[in-house]
């Protein structure tokens, strides 16, 4: 079976996000003062061949923990669907 995983990796709320701060400042510069608190992260899409959704989820979880997210500085969430 083939599964698609959509993964979002974001900086932890307790940490500074210089890129998000720069984007927030730019919003004000282009007249969008009502937009505030921007946080910038990454979106990763990947495909997994697995026997079941449980196996696919285990593989995605391992990929997130070991490679895609630095758990000291980032959090992650994902959704998996069969394709």
N, C-alpha and C. Protein backbone atom coordinates (compact mmCIF):
# COMPACT_ATOMS: atom_id res chain seq x y z
N UNK A 1 0.84 -1.18 0.00
CA UNK A 1 0.00 0.00 0.00
C UNK A 1 0.89 1.24 0.00
N UNK A 2 0.38 2.29 -0.60
CA UNK A 2 1.13 3.54 -0.66
C UNK A 2 0.39 4.60 0.15
N UNK A 3 1.15 5.36 0.95
CA UNK A 3 0.60 6.40 1.79
C UNK A 3 1.32 7.72 1.52
N UNK A 4 0.57 8.80 1.68
CA UNK A 4 1.15 10.14 1.57
C UNK A 4 1.13 10.76 2.96
N UNK A 5 2.26 11.32 3.35
CA UNK A 5 2.36 12.02 4.64
C UNK A 5 2.61 13.50 4.38
N UNK A 6 1.83 14.32 5.05
CA UNK A 6 2.00 15.78 5.02
C UNK A 6 2.51 16.17 6.40
N UNK A 7 3.73 16.71 6.46
CA UNK A 7 4.39 16.98 7.73
C UNK A 7 4.66 18.47 7.85
N UNK A 8 4.31 19.03 9.01
CA UNK A 8 4.62 20.43 9.31
C UNK A 8 5.62 20.47 10.45
N UNK A 9 6.70 21.21 10.25
CA UNK A 9 7.73 21.39 11.27
C UNK A 9 7.79 22.88 11.59
N UNK A 10 7.64 23.19 12.88
CA UNK A 10 7.59 24.59 13.30
C UNK A 10 8.56 24.82 14.46
N UNK A 11 9.10 26.05 14.58
CA UNK A 11 9.92 26.34 15.75
C UNK A 11 9.04 26.31 17.00
N UNK A 12 9.63 25.88 18.10
CA UNK A 12 8.88 25.86 19.36
C UNK A 12 8.44 27.27 19.74
N UNK A 13 7.25 27.37 20.33
CA UNK A 13 6.71 28.68 20.70
C UNK A 13 7.61 29.44 21.67
N UNK A 14 8.34 28.72 22.51
CA UNK A 14 9.18 29.36 23.51
C UNK A 14 10.46 29.97 22.91
N UNK A 15 10.78 29.62 21.67
CA UNK A 15 12.01 30.10 21.04
C UNK A 15 11.74 31.26 20.09
N UNK A 16 12.75 32.10 19.94
CA UNK A 16 12.66 33.19 18.97
C UNK A 16 12.60 32.62 17.56
N UNK A 17 11.90 33.33 16.69
CA UNK A 17 11.81 32.94 15.28
C UNK A 17 12.19 34.17 14.46
N UNK A 18 13.50 34.35 14.19
CA UNK A 18 13.95 35.55 13.47
C UNK A 18 13.29 35.70 12.10
N UNK A 19 13.08 34.60 11.40
CA UNK A 19 12.46 34.67 10.08
C UNK A 19 11.01 35.12 10.22
N UNK A 20 10.30 34.59 11.19
CA UNK A 20 8.92 35.01 11.44
C UNK A 20 8.84 36.47 11.84
N UNK A 21 9.80 36.93 12.65
CA UNK A 21 9.84 38.33 13.07
C UNK A 21 10.05 39.24 11.86
N UNK A 22 10.94 38.84 10.95
CA UNK A 22 11.20 39.63 9.75
C UNK A 22 9.95 39.71 8.87
N UNK A 23 9.23 38.59 8.74
CA UNK A 23 8.00 38.58 7.94
C UNK A 23 6.94 39.46 8.61
N UNK A 24 6.83 39.39 9.93
CA UNK A 24 5.88 40.24 10.65
C UNK A 24 6.17 41.71 10.39
N UNK A 25 7.46 42.08 10.45
CA UNK A 25 7.84 43.47 10.18
C UNK A 25 7.51 43.88 8.76
N UNK A 26 7.69 42.98 7.82
CA UNK A 26 7.38 43.27 6.42
C UNK A 26 5.89 43.45 6.20
N UNK A 27 5.07 42.73 6.95
CA UNK A 27 3.61 42.90 6.84
C UNK A 27 3.23 44.34 7.15
N UNK A 28 3.84 44.88 8.18
CA UNK A 28 3.56 46.28 8.54
C UNK A 28 4.01 47.23 7.44
N UNK A 29 5.14 46.91 6.81
CA UNK A 29 5.67 47.76 5.74
C UNK A 29 4.78 47.78 4.50
N UNK A 30 4.00 46.73 4.28
CA UNK A 30 3.14 46.70 3.09
C UNK A 30 1.67 47.00 3.43
N UNK A 31 1.47 47.57 4.63
CA UNK A 31 0.13 48.01 5.00
C UNK A 31 -0.76 46.95 5.62
N UNK A 32 -0.18 45.87 6.08
CA UNK A 32 -0.97 44.81 6.69
C UNK A 32 -0.68 44.74 8.19
N UNK A 33 -0.91 45.85 8.88
CA UNK A 33 -0.60 45.97 10.30
C UNK A 33 -1.38 45.00 11.17
N UNK A 34 -2.51 44.53 10.69
CA UNK A 34 -3.35 43.63 11.48
C UNK A 34 -2.75 42.23 11.57
N UNK A 35 -1.77 41.90 10.74
CA UNK A 35 -1.12 40.59 10.78
C UNK A 35 0.06 40.67 11.72
N UNK A 36 0.07 39.78 12.72
CA UNK A 36 1.11 39.82 13.74
C UNK A 36 1.45 38.38 14.17
N UNK A 37 2.56 38.21 14.80
CA UNK A 37 2.92 36.91 15.37
C UNK A 37 3.20 35.83 14.35
N UNK A 38 3.80 36.19 13.23
CA UNK A 38 4.10 35.20 12.19
C UNK A 38 5.20 34.25 12.67
N UNK A 39 5.00 32.97 12.44
CA UNK A 39 6.01 31.94 12.70
C UNK A 39 6.25 31.21 11.37
N UNK A 40 7.50 31.01 11.03
CA UNK A 40 7.84 30.39 9.76
C UNK A 40 8.44 29.00 10.03
N UNK A 41 7.91 28.00 9.34
CA UNK A 41 8.40 26.64 9.49
C UNK A 41 8.57 26.00 8.12
N UNK A 42 8.47 24.66 8.10
CA UNK A 42 8.64 23.91 6.85
C UNK A 42 7.46 22.96 6.68
N UNK A 43 7.17 22.68 5.43
CA UNK A 43 6.18 21.67 5.10
C UNK A 43 6.87 20.61 4.25
N UNK A 44 6.72 19.35 4.64
CA UNK A 44 7.36 18.24 3.93
C UNK A 44 6.26 17.26 3.51
N UNK A 45 6.29 16.84 2.25
CA UNK A 45 5.39 15.81 1.76
C UNK A 45 6.25 14.63 1.34
N UNK A 46 5.86 13.45 1.79
CA UNK A 46 6.59 12.26 1.37
C UNK A 46 5.62 11.10 1.17
N UNK A 47 6.08 10.12 0.44
CA UNK A 47 5.28 8.93 0.15
C UNK A 47 5.97 7.72 0.77
N UNK A 48 5.16 6.83 1.31
CA UNK A 48 5.66 5.66 2.03
C UNK A 48 4.98 4.41 1.48
N UNK A 49 5.77 3.40 1.17
CA UNK A 49 5.25 2.07 0.85
C UNK A 49 5.25 1.28 2.15
N UNK A 50 4.06 0.83 2.58
CA UNK A 50 3.96 0.08 3.83
C UNK A 50 2.79 -0.88 3.76
N UNK A 51 2.83 -1.90 4.61
CA UNK A 51 1.77 -2.90 4.64
C UNK A 51 0.47 -2.39 5.26
N UNK A 52 0.57 -1.37 6.11
CA UNK A 52 -0.61 -0.83 6.78
C UNK A 52 -0.37 0.62 7.18
N UNK A 53 -1.44 1.30 7.56
CA UNK A 53 -1.30 2.69 8.01
C UNK A 53 -0.50 2.79 9.30
N UNK A 54 -0.60 1.75 10.14
CA UNK A 54 0.17 1.75 11.40
C UNK A 54 1.67 1.70 11.10
N UNK A 55 2.06 0.86 10.16
CA UNK A 55 3.47 0.76 9.78
C UNK A 55 3.93 2.07 9.13
N UNK A 56 3.10 2.64 8.28
CA UNK A 56 3.44 3.92 7.64
C UNK A 56 3.62 5.01 8.68
N UNK A 57 2.72 5.07 9.66
CA UNK A 57 2.82 6.09 10.71
C UNK A 57 4.09 5.90 11.52
N UNK A 58 4.45 4.67 11.81
CA UNK A 58 5.69 4.39 12.55
C UNK A 58 6.90 4.90 11.77
N UNK A 59 6.90 4.68 10.47
CA UNK A 59 8.03 5.13 9.64
C UNK A 59 8.10 6.65 9.58
N UNK A 60 6.95 7.31 9.44
CA UNK A 60 6.92 8.77 9.39
C UNK A 60 7.37 9.35 10.72
N UNK A 61 6.91 8.77 11.80
CA UNK A 61 7.32 9.23 13.14
C UNK A 61 8.83 9.13 13.30
N UNK A 62 9.40 8.02 12.87
CA UNK A 62 10.84 7.84 12.95
C UNK A 62 11.59 8.86 12.09
N UNK A 63 11.09 9.12 10.88
CA UNK A 63 11.71 10.10 10.00
C UNK A 63 11.69 11.49 10.64
N UNK A 64 10.58 11.83 11.27
CA UNK A 64 10.47 13.14 11.93
C UNK A 64 11.45 13.25 13.08
N UNK A 65 11.47 12.24 13.93
CA UNK A 65 12.33 12.28 15.12
C UNK A 65 13.81 12.25 14.77
N UNK A 66 14.19 11.47 13.76
CA UNK A 66 15.61 11.27 13.47
C UNK A 66 16.19 12.21 12.44
N UNK A 67 15.33 12.81 11.59
CA UNK A 67 15.88 13.60 10.48
C UNK A 67 15.17 14.92 10.23
N UNK A 68 13.87 14.92 10.19
CA UNK A 68 13.15 16.09 9.70
C UNK A 68 12.99 17.21 10.72
N UNK A 69 12.97 16.89 12.00
CA UNK A 69 12.78 17.92 13.03
C UNK A 69 13.87 17.83 14.08
N UNK A 70 14.38 18.97 14.48
CA UNK A 70 15.30 19.06 15.61
C UNK A 70 14.41 19.26 16.84
N UNK A 71 14.19 18.21 17.61
CA UNK A 71 13.22 18.25 18.69
C UNK A 71 13.60 19.20 19.83
N UNK A 72 14.84 19.66 19.86
CA UNK A 72 15.24 20.65 20.86
C UNK A 72 14.66 22.01 20.50
N UNK A 73 14.53 22.29 19.20
CA UNK A 73 14.09 23.61 18.75
C UNK A 73 12.78 23.60 17.99
N UNK A 74 12.29 22.43 17.58
CA UNK A 74 11.13 22.38 16.70
C UNK A 74 10.11 21.33 17.17
N UNK A 75 8.87 21.58 16.80
CA UNK A 75 7.81 20.59 16.98
C UNK A 75 7.36 20.16 15.59
N UNK A 76 6.65 19.04 15.54
CA UNK A 76 6.15 18.58 14.25
C UNK A 76 4.78 17.95 14.43
N UNK A 77 4.04 17.95 13.34
CA UNK A 77 2.77 17.25 13.28
C UNK A 77 2.63 16.70 11.86
N UNK A 78 1.80 15.68 11.72
CA UNK A 78 1.65 15.10 10.39
C UNK A 78 0.28 14.46 10.24
N UNK A 79 -0.09 14.29 8.98
CA UNK A 79 -1.28 13.57 8.61
C UNK A 79 -0.88 12.56 7.54
N UNK A 80 -1.45 11.38 7.63
CA UNK A 80 -1.15 10.32 6.67
C UNK A 80 -2.45 9.85 6.03
N UNK A 81 -2.40 9.66 4.71
CA UNK A 81 -3.56 9.14 4.01
C UNK A 81 -3.10 8.14 2.95
N UNK A 82 -3.94 7.18 2.69
CA UNK A 82 -3.63 6.19 1.65
C UNK A 82 -3.89 6.83 0.28
N UNK A 83 -2.97 6.56 -0.64
CA UNK A 83 -3.14 7.08 -2.02
C UNK A 83 -3.19 5.94 -3.02
